[in-house]
Amino acid sequence: MLRRAGIQRQFKRPLGWRSPKGVAWLQPEQAFAVFAAADDIDSEFGLFLRVLCYTGVSVGDGLSVTRSPRSTSPGSKFTCPRPRTPMRGACA
């Protein structure tokens, strides 16, 4: 609001105010443990976590993937709507 009113102020921020980006990766053993725990909760949930892990899609894009209504056989294709974010993997 001050800038819009024409008042310019420079604030001195403390060192380290922009924290480094933290990225955590699962080791294979950890990922398989998560998959096993998800399978105990619900088999579809375990499958969903595997799809997210192996394709790299976001949760929202993963939830929007549906089976094609024309075919219900086990080998039928999945349809992927236009992603909100760039996707890597099966639906790209």
Foldseek 3Di string as FASTA:
>chain_A
DCVVVVDDDDDDDDPCPPPDDDDDDDDPVRLVVVLVVLVVVPPVSSVLSVCCVPWVDDPVQSVQWAFDPVDDDPPGDIDGDDDPDDTGHDHD
